[in-house]
Protein backbone atom coordinates (compact mmCIF):
# COMPACT_ATOMS: atom_id res chain seq x y z
CA MET A 1 -93.53 67.83 44.22
CA THR A 2 -96.81 67.69 42.32
CA SER A 3 -97.03 66.41 38.79
CA ALA A 4 -98.04 69.88 37.57
CA THR A 5 -95.06 71.49 39.29
CA TYR A 6 -92.66 68.92 37.85
CA HIS A 7 -93.99 69.44 34.33
CA ILE A 8 -93.87 73.23 34.63
CA LEU A 9 -90.24 73.16 35.78
CA LEU A 10 -89.39 70.69 33.03
CA ALA A 11 -91.03 72.95 30.43
CA LEU A 12 -88.90 75.87 31.64
CA MET A 13 -85.65 73.95 31.10
CA ASP A 14 -85.65 75.21 27.50
CA GLY A 15 -85.70 78.84 28.61
CA PRO A 16 -88.11 81.56 29.75
CA LYS A 17 -91.75 81.21 28.76
CA HIS A 18 -95.02 82.99 29.42
CA GLY A 19 -97.91 81.09 30.97
CA TYR A 20 -99.66 79.95 27.81
CA ALA A 21 -96.35 78.81 26.30
CA ILE A 22 -95.65 76.79 29.46
CA SER A 23 -99.04 75.11 29.16
CA GLN A 24 -98.39 74.28 25.50
CA ALA A 25 -94.88 72.99 26.26
CA VAL A 26 -96.26 70.63 28.92
CA ALA A 27 -98.82 69.28 26.46
CA GLU A 28 -96.09 68.81 23.86
CA LEU A 29 -93.68 67.12 26.29
CA THR A 30 -96.36 64.65 27.35
CA ASP A 31 -97.97 64.03 23.96
CA SER A 32 -101.07 65.79 25.35
CA ARG A 33 -101.43 63.29 28.21
CA VAL A 34 -101.00 66.15 30.68
CA ARG A 35 -102.90 69.37 30.25
CA ILE A 36 -102.53 72.16 32.78
CA GLY A 37 -105.40 74.61 33.00
CA PRO A 38 -104.98 78.28 33.92
CA GLY A 39 -106.00 77.86 37.57
CA THR A 40 -103.52 75.07 38.18
CA LEU A 41 -100.81 76.79 36.13
CA TYR A 42 -100.93 80.19 37.77
CA GLY A 43 -101.43 78.75 41.26
CA ALA A 44 -98.37 76.55 40.77
CA LEU A 45 -96.35 79.43 39.30
CA GLN A 46 -97.16 81.59 42.33
CA ARG A 47 -95.98 78.83 44.68
CA LEU A 48 -92.83 78.38 42.59
CA LEU A 49 -92.19 82.13 42.77
CA ASP A 50 -92.72 82.08 46.56
CA GLU A 51 -90.24 79.19 46.86
CA SER A 52 -87.71 80.94 44.56
CA LEU A 53 -87.77 78.02 42.12
CA VAL A 54 -88.77 80.34 39.27
CA GLU A 55 -88.52 84.07 38.76
CA GLU A 56 -90.22 86.55 36.49
CA ARG A 57 -88.14 87.74 33.59
CA THR A 58 -88.52 90.39 30.95
CA PRO A 59 -87.58 89.04 27.51
CA ALA A 60 -84.07 90.07 26.45
CA ARG A 61 -85.50 91.30 23.17
CA PRO A 62 -89.01 92.66 22.77
CA VAL A 63 -91.30 90.16 21.09
CA LYS A 64 -93.23 91.59 18.17
CA ASP A 65 -96.95 92.01 18.93
CA ASP A 66 -96.40 90.71 22.47
CA ASP A 67 -99.02 91.68 25.05
CA GLU A 68 -97.33 94.02 27.53
CA ARG A 69 -99.25 92.34 30.38
CA ARG A 70 -97.65 88.97 29.58
CA ARG A 71 -95.32 87.73 32.31
CA TYR A 72 -92.38 85.48 31.53
CA TYR A 73 -90.95 82.92 33.93
CA ARG A 74 -87.59 81.20 34.09
CA LEU A 75 -85.98 78.58 36.29
CA THR A 76 -83.65 79.66 39.05
CA ARG A 77 -80.65 77.65 40.15
CA GLN A 78 -82.77 76.33 43.04
CA GLY A 79 -85.47 75.36 40.55
CA ARG A 80 -83.00 73.34 38.49
CA GLN A 81 -81.77 71.61 41.65
CA ALA A 82 -85.32 70.80 42.77
CA LEU A 83 -86.11 69.41 39.32
CA ALA A 84 -82.99 67.21 39.41
CA VAL A 85 -83.89 65.88 42.88
CA GLU A 86 -87.41 65.03 41.71
CA ALA A 87 -86.13 63.37 38.52
CA ARG A 88 -83.80 61.18 40.63
CA ARG A 89 -86.73 60.27 42.91
CA LEU A 90 -88.88 59.32 39.91
CA ARG A 91 -86.01 57.30 38.43
CA SER A 92 -85.64 55.42 41.70
CA MET A 93 -89.35 54.60 41.71
CA LEU A 94 -89.12 53.36 38.12
CA ASP A 95 -86.10 51.21 38.98
CA MET A 96 -88.05 49.61 41.84
CA ALA A 97 -90.99 48.85 39.53
CA VAL A 98 -88.64 47.22 37.02
CA ALA A 99 -86.96 45.22 39.78
CA LYS A 100 -90.36 43.92 40.91
CA GLY A 101 -91.16 42.82 37.36
CA ILE A 102 -94.05 45.25 36.88
CA PHE A 103 -92.76 45.87 33.37
CA GLN A 104 -89.61 45.51 31.34
CA ALA A 105 -87.23 48.44 31.12
CA GLU A 106 -86.81 49.79 27.62
CA SER A 107 -83.30 49.71 26.24
């Protein structure tokens, strides 16, 4: 899983978002260390749609002054599972780095 894909799925854990909101959520989650541009974002979202890891959703309630062209995305059950698998993989890599003394684990 790419870093962009991981961050997009992680941003969607809080609920459905449109593209720009996903991009902002990723920046917020990473203290602006990761910024996803439109090309990367929408390319990744299309792949996630094709893999059934996300789906398009219409907001439950209309959002005032919302652009009718705006598309909202939400995680599917498969998307949550893929995110959990990737998080476990990343945790395992971190555990190995700690075991090798690369840095001290924070308590």
